[in-house]
Each structure stands twice: as C-alpha cells, then as structure tokens.
N, C-alpha and C. Protein backbone atom coordinates (compact mmCIF):
# COMPACT_ATOMS: atom_id res chain seq x y z
N MET A 1 -8.57 33.77 -9.67
CA MET A 1 -7.38 33.09 -10.15
C MET A 1 -6.52 34.03 -10.98
N GLU A 2 -7.13 34.98 -11.64
CA GLU A 2 -6.35 35.85 -12.51
C GLU A 2 -5.39 36.76 -11.74
N ASP A 3 -5.62 36.92 -10.45
CA ASP A 3 -4.76 37.78 -9.65
C ASP A 3 -3.56 37.03 -9.05
N GLY A 4 -3.51 35.73 -9.24
CA GLY A 4 -2.42 34.94 -8.68
C GLY A 4 -1.10 35.20 -9.40
N THR A 5 -0.05 35.17 -8.65
CA THR A 5 1.29 35.34 -9.23
C THR A 5 1.93 33.97 -9.41
N ALA A 6 3.03 33.96 -10.11
CA ALA A 6 3.76 32.70 -10.30
C ALA A 6 4.15 32.12 -8.94
N ASP A 7 4.61 32.97 -8.03
CA ASP A 7 4.98 32.50 -6.70
C ASP A 7 3.78 31.92 -5.95
N ASP A 8 2.62 32.57 -6.09
CA ASP A 8 1.40 32.06 -5.44
C ASP A 8 1.09 30.65 -5.93
N TYR A 9 1.15 30.47 -7.24
CA TYR A 9 0.81 29.16 -7.79
C TYR A 9 1.87 28.11 -7.48
N LEU A 10 3.12 28.50 -7.49
CA LEU A 10 4.17 27.55 -7.12
C LEU A 10 4.00 27.09 -5.68
N GLU A 11 3.67 28.01 -4.78
CA GLU A 11 3.46 27.66 -3.38
C GLU A 11 2.21 26.78 -3.23
N SER A 12 1.14 27.12 -3.92
CA SER A 12 -0.09 26.32 -3.85
C SER A 12 0.15 24.90 -4.33
N ILE A 13 0.83 24.78 -5.44
CA ILE A 13 1.10 23.46 -5.99
C ILE A 13 2.01 22.66 -5.06
N ALA A 14 3.02 23.30 -4.51
CA ALA A 14 3.93 22.61 -3.59
C ALA A 14 3.18 22.15 -2.34
N THR A 15 2.30 23.00 -1.82
CA THR A 15 1.50 22.64 -0.64
C THR A 15 0.59 21.46 -0.95
N PHE A 16 -0.05 21.50 -2.11
CA PHE A 16 -0.94 20.41 -2.51
C PHE A 16 -0.16 19.10 -2.64
N LYS A 17 0.98 19.15 -3.30
CA LYS A 17 1.78 17.93 -3.49
C LYS A 17 2.23 17.35 -2.15
N ARG A 18 2.60 18.22 -1.21
CA ARG A 18 2.99 17.72 0.12
C ARG A 18 1.80 17.04 0.79
N HIS A 19 0.63 17.66 0.67
CA HIS A 19 -0.58 17.07 1.28
C HIS A 19 -0.87 15.70 0.66
N VAL A 20 -0.83 15.62 -0.66
CA VAL A 20 -1.09 14.34 -1.34
C VAL A 20 -0.08 13.30 -0.88
N HIS A 21 1.18 13.66 -0.86
CA HIS A 21 2.22 12.73 -0.43
C HIS A 21 1.98 12.24 1.00
N ASP A 22 1.65 13.18 1.88
CA ASP A 22 1.49 12.84 3.30
C ASP A 22 0.21 12.06 3.60
N SER A 23 -0.79 12.17 2.73
CA SER A 23 -2.08 11.54 3.03
C SER A 23 -2.48 10.45 2.04
N LEU A 24 -1.60 10.12 1.10
CA LEU A 24 -1.95 9.15 0.06
C LEU A 24 -2.39 7.81 0.63
N THR A 25 -1.64 7.29 1.56
CA THR A 25 -1.99 5.98 2.13
C THR A 25 -3.37 6.03 2.78
N ASP A 26 -3.65 7.08 3.52
CA ASP A 26 -4.97 7.21 4.15
C ASP A 26 -6.08 7.27 3.10
N HIS A 27 -5.85 8.00 2.02
CA HIS A 27 -6.86 8.09 0.96
C HIS A 27 -7.09 6.73 0.30
N LEU A 28 -6.00 6.02 0.02
CA LEU A 28 -6.14 4.71 -0.63
C LEU A 28 -6.84 3.71 0.28
N PHE A 29 -6.48 3.71 1.55
CA PHE A 29 -7.18 2.80 2.48
C PHE A 29 -8.63 3.22 2.65
N GLY A 30 -8.91 4.51 2.54
CA GLY A 30 -10.30 4.96 2.57
C GLY A 30 -11.09 4.42 1.39
N LEU A 31 -10.47 4.43 0.21
CA LEU A 31 -11.13 3.84 -0.96
C LEU A 31 -11.38 2.35 -0.75
N LEU A 32 -10.39 1.67 -0.21
CA LEU A 32 -10.58 0.24 0.07
C LEU A 32 -11.72 0.02 1.05
N ARG A 33 -11.72 0.78 2.13
CA ARG A 33 -12.76 0.60 3.16
C ARG A 33 -14.15 0.94 2.62
N SER A 34 -14.22 1.82 1.64
CA SER A 34 -15.52 2.19 1.07
C SER A 34 -16.17 1.01 0.34
N MET A 35 -15.38 -0.01 0.03
CA MET A 35 -15.92 -1.19 -0.66
C MET A 35 -16.41 -2.25 0.31
N GLU A 36 -16.28 -1.98 1.59
CA GLU A 36 -16.72 -2.94 2.60
C GLU A 36 -18.23 -2.85 2.76
N GLY A 37 -18.87 -4.00 2.85
CA GLY A 37 -20.31 -4.01 3.09
C GLY A 37 -21.08 -4.81 2.07
N PRO A 38 -21.76 -4.12 1.15
CA PRO A 38 -22.62 -4.84 0.20
C PRO A 38 -21.83 -5.83 -0.64
N ARG A 39 -22.43 -6.99 -0.86
CA ARG A 39 -21.76 -8.04 -1.63
C ARG A 39 -22.23 -8.10 -3.07
N PHE A 40 -23.35 -7.47 -3.38
CA PHE A 40 -23.86 -7.42 -4.75
C PHE A 40 -23.97 -8.80 -5.39
N GLY A 41 -24.37 -9.78 -4.60
CA GLY A 41 -24.57 -11.13 -5.11
C GLY A 41 -23.33 -12.01 -5.08
N TYR A 42 -22.19 -11.45 -4.74
CA TYR A 42 -20.96 -12.24 -4.65
C TYR A 42 -20.83 -12.84 -3.25
N GLN A 43 -19.91 -13.78 -3.08
CA GLN A 43 -19.72 -14.43 -1.78
C GLN A 43 -19.06 -13.51 -0.76
N VAL A 44 -18.28 -12.55 -1.24
CA VAL A 44 -17.62 -11.59 -0.35
C VAL A 44 -17.80 -10.19 -0.92
N ASP A 45 -17.62 -9.18 -0.07
CA ASP A 45 -17.69 -7.81 -0.56
C ASP A 45 -16.40 -7.45 -1.30
N ARG A 46 -16.40 -6.31 -1.96
CA ARG A 46 -15.25 -5.90 -2.78
C ARG A 46 -14.00 -5.70 -1.91
N TYR A 47 -14.20 -5.25 -0.68
CA TYR A 47 -13.08 -5.06 0.24
C TYR A 47 -12.38 -6.39 0.52
N ARG A 48 -13.15 -7.39 0.89
CA ARG A 48 -12.56 -8.70 1.17
C ARG A 48 -11.98 -9.34 -0.10
N HIS A 49 -12.64 -9.11 -1.22
CA HIS A 49 -12.09 -9.59 -2.49
C HIS A 49 -10.70 -8.98 -2.73
N SER A 50 -10.55 -7.71 -2.44
CA SER A 50 -9.26 -7.05 -2.61
C SER A 50 -8.20 -7.63 -1.67
N LEU A 51 -8.59 -7.87 -0.43
CA LEU A 51 -7.67 -8.50 0.53
C LEU A 51 -7.29 -9.90 0.06
N GLN A 52 -8.27 -10.65 -0.45
CA GLN A 52 -7.98 -11.99 -0.96
C GLN A 52 -7.02 -11.94 -2.14
N SER A 53 -7.25 -10.99 -3.04
CA SER A 53 -6.39 -10.86 -4.22
C SER A 53 -4.95 -10.58 -3.82
N ALA A 54 -4.77 -9.66 -2.88
CA ALA A 54 -3.42 -9.34 -2.41
C ALA A 54 -2.80 -10.54 -1.69
N SER A 55 -3.59 -11.24 -0.89
CA SER A 55 -3.08 -12.42 -0.18
C SER A 55 -2.65 -13.50 -1.16
N ARG A 56 -3.44 -13.69 -2.20
CA ARG A 56 -3.08 -14.69 -3.21
C ARG A 56 -1.80 -14.30 -3.95
N ALA A 57 -1.67 -13.03 -4.26
CA ALA A 57 -0.45 -12.56 -4.93
C ALA A 57 0.77 -12.79 -4.03
N LEU A 58 0.62 -12.50 -2.75
CA LEU A 58 1.72 -12.71 -1.80
C LEU A 58 2.09 -14.18 -1.71
N ARG A 59 1.08 -15.04 -1.56
CA ARG A 59 1.33 -16.49 -1.48
C ARG A 59 1.93 -17.04 -2.77
N ASN A 60 1.63 -16.38 -3.88
CA ASN A 60 2.15 -16.81 -5.18
C ASN A 60 3.59 -16.34 -5.39
N GLY A 61 4.13 -15.58 -4.44
CA GLY A 61 5.50 -15.12 -4.55
C GLY A 61 5.69 -13.85 -5.37
N GLU A 62 4.60 -13.14 -5.62
CA GLU A 62 4.71 -11.89 -6.38
C GLU A 62 5.47 -10.85 -5.56
N ASP A 63 6.06 -9.88 -6.25
CA ASP A 63 6.80 -8.84 -5.55
C ASP A 63 5.83 -7.86 -4.88
N THR A 64 6.39 -7.00 -4.05
CA THR A 64 5.57 -6.05 -3.29
C THR A 64 4.70 -5.19 -4.20
N GLU A 65 5.26 -4.75 -5.31
CA GLU A 65 4.50 -3.92 -6.24
C GLU A 65 3.23 -4.62 -6.70
N MET A 66 3.34 -5.89 -7.08
CA MET A 66 2.17 -6.62 -7.56
C MET A 66 1.19 -6.92 -6.44
N VAL A 67 1.68 -7.17 -5.24
CA VAL A 67 0.79 -7.40 -4.10
C VAL A 67 -0.04 -6.15 -3.83
N VAL A 68 0.61 -5.00 -3.83
CA VAL A 68 -0.12 -3.74 -3.60
C VAL A 68 -1.08 -3.47 -4.76
N ALA A 69 -0.65 -3.74 -5.98
CA ALA A 69 -1.54 -3.56 -7.13
C ALA A 69 -2.75 -4.48 -7.03
N ALA A 70 -2.54 -5.70 -6.59
CA ALA A 70 -3.67 -6.62 -6.40
C ALA A 70 -4.62 -6.09 -5.33
N LEU A 71 -4.06 -5.51 -4.29
CA LEU A 71 -4.89 -4.94 -3.23
C LEU A 71 -5.75 -3.79 -3.76
N LEU A 72 -5.20 -2.99 -4.66
CA LEU A 72 -5.89 -1.78 -5.13
C LEU A 72 -6.59 -1.93 -6.47
N HIS A 73 -6.57 -3.13 -7.06
CA HIS A 73 -7.03 -3.28 -8.43
C HIS A 73 -8.49 -2.91 -8.66
N ASP A 74 -9.32 -2.92 -7.66
CA ASP A 74 -10.74 -2.61 -7.83
C ASP A 74 -11.18 -1.31 -7.16
N VAL A 75 -10.24 -0.45 -6.75
CA VAL A 75 -10.64 0.75 -6.03
C VAL A 75 -11.50 1.70 -6.87
N GLY A 76 -11.51 1.51 -8.17
CA GLY A 76 -12.36 2.34 -9.02
C GLY A 76 -13.80 1.88 -9.10
N ASP A 77 -14.10 0.70 -8.56
CA ASP A 77 -15.44 0.11 -8.68
C ASP A 77 -16.58 1.03 -8.24
N MET A 78 -16.44 1.66 -7.10
CA MET A 78 -17.55 2.41 -6.53
C MET A 78 -17.74 3.79 -7.17
N VAL A 79 -16.74 4.29 -7.87
CA VAL A 79 -16.87 5.61 -8.49
C VAL A 79 -16.95 5.54 -10.01
N ALA A 80 -16.48 4.46 -10.61
CA ALA A 80 -16.47 4.35 -12.07
C ALA A 80 -16.59 2.89 -12.48
N PRO A 81 -17.73 2.27 -12.23
CA PRO A 81 -17.85 0.83 -12.51
C PRO A 81 -17.60 0.46 -13.98
N ALA A 82 -17.94 1.34 -14.90
CA ALA A 82 -17.77 1.02 -16.32
C ALA A 82 -16.30 0.99 -16.74
N ASN A 83 -15.45 1.71 -16.02
CA ASN A 83 -14.03 1.72 -16.36
C ASN A 83 -13.16 1.65 -15.11
N HIS A 84 -13.59 0.83 -14.18
CA HIS A 84 -12.89 0.75 -12.89
C HIS A 84 -11.44 0.32 -13.04
N SER A 85 -11.15 -0.52 -14.02
CA SER A 85 -9.77 -0.97 -14.23
C SER A 85 -8.86 0.19 -14.59
N ALA A 86 -9.33 1.05 -15.48
CA ALA A 86 -8.54 2.20 -15.90
C ALA A 86 -8.34 3.17 -14.74
N VAL A 87 -9.38 3.37 -13.94
CA VAL A 87 -9.27 4.27 -12.79
C VAL A 87 -8.21 3.76 -11.81
N ALA A 88 -8.31 2.49 -11.44
CA ALA A 88 -7.33 1.91 -10.51
C ALA A 88 -5.92 1.98 -11.09
N ALA A 89 -5.79 1.65 -12.38
CA ALA A 89 -4.47 1.68 -13.02
C ALA A 89 -3.88 3.08 -13.02
N ASP A 90 -4.71 4.07 -13.28
CA ASP A 90 -4.19 5.44 -13.31
C ASP A 90 -3.82 5.95 -11.92
N ILE A 91 -4.51 5.48 -10.90
CA ILE A 91 -4.16 5.87 -9.53
C ILE A 91 -2.76 5.36 -9.18
N ILE A 92 -2.46 4.14 -9.55
CA ILE A 92 -1.18 3.55 -9.16
C ILE A 92 -0.05 3.81 -10.16
N LYS A 93 -0.39 4.33 -11.33
CA LYS A 93 0.60 4.48 -12.41
C LYS A 93 1.91 5.15 -11.99
N PRO A 94 1.89 6.25 -11.22
CA PRO A 94 3.17 6.88 -10.87
C PRO A 94 4.09 6.02 -10.00
N TYR A 95 3.56 4.95 -9.46
CA TYR A 95 4.30 4.17 -8.46
C TYR A 95 4.67 2.76 -8.90
N VAL A 96 4.23 2.37 -10.11
CA VAL A 96 4.43 0.98 -10.54
C VAL A 96 5.07 0.93 -11.92
N SER A 97 5.53 -0.25 -12.27
CA SER A 97 6.13 -0.48 -13.59
C SER A 97 5.05 -0.45 -14.67
N ASP A 98 5.50 -0.31 -15.91
CA ASP A 98 4.57 -0.35 -17.04
C ASP A 98 3.81 -1.67 -17.08
N ARG A 99 4.49 -2.75 -16.76
CA ARG A 99 3.86 -4.07 -16.76
C ARG A 99 2.71 -4.13 -15.76
N THR A 100 2.95 -3.72 -14.54
CA THR A 100 1.91 -3.76 -13.51
C THR A 100 0.76 -2.83 -13.89
N HIS A 101 1.09 -1.66 -14.39
CA HIS A 101 0.04 -0.72 -14.83
C HIS A 101 -0.83 -1.38 -15.91
N TRP A 102 -0.20 -2.02 -16.90
CA TRP A 102 -0.95 -2.66 -17.98
C TRP A 102 -1.86 -3.76 -17.44
N ILE A 103 -1.34 -4.57 -16.55
CA ILE A 103 -2.13 -5.68 -15.99
C ILE A 103 -3.37 -5.14 -15.27
N ILE A 104 -3.19 -4.14 -14.43
CA ILE A 104 -4.34 -3.59 -13.70
C ILE A 104 -5.30 -2.89 -14.66
N ARG A 105 -4.78 -2.17 -15.63
CA ARG A 105 -5.63 -1.45 -16.58
C ARG A 105 -6.51 -2.40 -17.39
N HIS A 106 -6.02 -3.59 -17.66
CA HIS A 106 -6.75 -4.52 -18.52
C HIS A 106 -7.43 -5.66 -17.76
N HIS A 107 -7.36 -5.69 -16.45
CA HIS A 107 -7.91 -6.85 -15.74
C HIS A 107 -9.42 -6.99 -15.95
N GLY A 108 -10.11 -5.89 -16.19
CA GLY A 108 -11.56 -5.96 -16.40
C GLY A 108 -11.94 -6.78 -17.62
N VAL A 109 -11.22 -6.60 -18.71
CA VAL A 109 -11.53 -7.36 -19.92
C VAL A 109 -11.14 -8.83 -19.75
N PHE A 110 -10.13 -9.10 -18.94
CA PHE A 110 -9.75 -10.49 -18.68
C PHE A 110 -10.78 -11.18 -17.79
N GLN A 111 -11.28 -10.49 -16.78
CA GLN A 111 -12.29 -11.11 -15.93
C GLN A 111 -13.61 -11.26 -16.68
N GLY A 112 -13.80 -10.44 -17.71
CA GLY A 112 -15.01 -10.52 -18.51
C GLY A 112 -15.21 -11.86 -19.18
N TYR A 113 -14.15 -12.63 -19.32
CA TYR A 113 -14.25 -13.97 -19.90
C TYR A 113 -15.30 -14.79 -19.17
N TYR A 114 -15.46 -14.55 -17.89
CA TYR A 114 -16.36 -15.37 -17.07
C TYR A 114 -17.81 -14.90 -17.12
N TYR A 115 -18.06 -13.68 -17.60
CA TYR A 115 -19.46 -13.23 -17.57
C TYR A 115 -19.93 -12.37 -18.74
N PHE A 116 -19.04 -11.85 -19.58
CA PHE A 116 -19.49 -10.98 -20.67
C PHE A 116 -20.57 -11.65 -21.51
N HIS A 117 -20.42 -12.93 -21.81
CA HIS A 117 -21.37 -13.62 -22.68
C HIS A 117 -22.76 -13.71 -22.05
N HIS A 118 -22.85 -13.65 -20.73
CA HIS A 118 -24.15 -13.67 -20.07
C HIS A 118 -24.86 -12.32 -20.19
N LEU A 119 -24.12 -11.29 -20.53
CA LEU A 119 -24.67 -9.94 -20.63
C LEU A 119 -24.70 -9.43 -22.07
N GLY A 120 -24.56 -10.35 -23.02
CA GLY A 120 -24.60 -9.97 -24.43
C GLY A 120 -23.26 -9.49 -24.98
N GLY A 121 -22.20 -9.67 -24.21
CA GLY A 121 -20.87 -9.24 -24.65
C GLY A 121 -20.04 -10.40 -25.16
N ASP A 122 -18.84 -10.10 -25.53
CA ASP A 122 -17.91 -11.08 -26.07
C ASP A 122 -16.97 -11.57 -24.97
N ARG A 123 -17.16 -12.79 -24.54
CA ARG A 123 -16.32 -13.32 -23.48
C ARG A 123 -14.86 -13.42 -23.90
N ASP A 124 -14.61 -13.43 -25.20
CA ASP A 124 -13.25 -13.54 -25.70
C ASP A 124 -12.64 -12.18 -26.06
N ALA A 125 -13.18 -11.11 -25.52
CA ALA A 125 -12.66 -9.77 -25.80
C ALA A 125 -11.19 -9.65 -25.45
N ARG A 126 -10.75 -10.41 -24.48
CA ARG A 126 -9.34 -10.35 -24.08
C ARG A 126 -8.40 -10.83 -25.18
N GLU A 127 -8.92 -11.59 -26.12
CA GLU A 127 -8.09 -12.11 -27.21
C GLU A 127 -7.50 -11.00 -28.07
N ALA A 128 -8.08 -9.81 -28.02
CA ALA A 128 -7.52 -8.67 -28.74
C ALA A 128 -6.11 -8.36 -28.26
N PHE A 129 -5.78 -8.82 -27.07
CA PHE A 129 -4.47 -8.56 -26.47
C PHE A 129 -3.55 -9.78 -26.48
N ARG A 130 -3.95 -10.83 -27.18
CA ARG A 130 -3.21 -12.10 -27.18
C ARG A 130 -1.73 -11.92 -27.50
N GLU A 131 -1.41 -11.05 -28.41
CA GLU A 131 -0.01 -10.88 -28.84
C GLU A 131 0.76 -9.89 -27.95
N HIS A 132 0.10 -9.30 -26.99
CA HIS A 132 0.79 -8.35 -26.12
C HIS A 132 1.77 -9.09 -25.21
N GLN A 133 2.89 -8.48 -24.94
CA GLN A 133 3.94 -9.13 -24.15
C GLN A 133 3.50 -9.52 -22.75
N TRP A 134 2.48 -8.85 -22.20
CA TRP A 134 2.06 -9.15 -20.83
C TRP A 134 0.72 -9.86 -20.76
N PHE A 135 0.30 -10.45 -21.88
CA PHE A 135 -1.00 -11.15 -21.92
C PHE A 135 -1.07 -12.25 -20.87
N ASP A 136 -0.05 -13.08 -20.79
CA ASP A 136 -0.07 -14.18 -19.84
C ASP A 136 0.35 -13.71 -18.49
C-alpha cells in the first residue's frame, strides 16, 4: 500500500464505488435470501417476516422509502444479532431520511416490549425514547 500514488487510490476508490453502486441491489437481496429457511421457533422464517413487514407497510399506505426499509429492517440478524437494528439502519442510512433511519435503528428496543421481560430485561426500555419526535 505504501507504493500507491494518489491516482492509484483515486482510481481504486472510483472502481469500488462503481461496483457497489452496480451490485447493491443484488447484495441486499442476497442478505434477504440468506434469512430464508430456519424459523427459530417463529411461525415464519426471517425472510418471510421481512416480506410480510414490507407488505404491511405498503398496505398501510407508507411511502416507498418506508416499504423498502421495512423489507430490509432485519438484514443484520444473521451477522449481528445483538445489534441487528443498528446494522440494518446503517446499511440504508445513505438512502433514507433521518426519520426512517431512526425508526429502523431503534426497532429492536421497540420489539423488545414483547419479550425482554422473559429474558431478564426491561420490556419498557423503549420508554427512554418516549419524548423523541419519532417515538410514535
């Protein structure tokens, strides 16, 4: 790396960015497909859950940004289960509004209302965000 010139690095970065741009959709759908299969005790696998979430957002009249965010909200599950919300939010951050990013980043603590108390956690952890403009 020490022998690289500014031009070398500019070209490398430009090539990488073009590749990411051209293959982003394939990579994201690959992450979605990787969640297909095991249900881990749930009624549907994570892939179908994601499709259901996006379908519900669409039926609810949400805009395209929120429908796509709903589709991708759990893509961090298989690589970072402890902070999957943050992973998914950071993946979509360059493409969505601050509001959508915040919702996806915090959805884990909101869903925790239904099960944190069964695992020794605080089911009301989401209340820390009660005064936030996007809580509801």
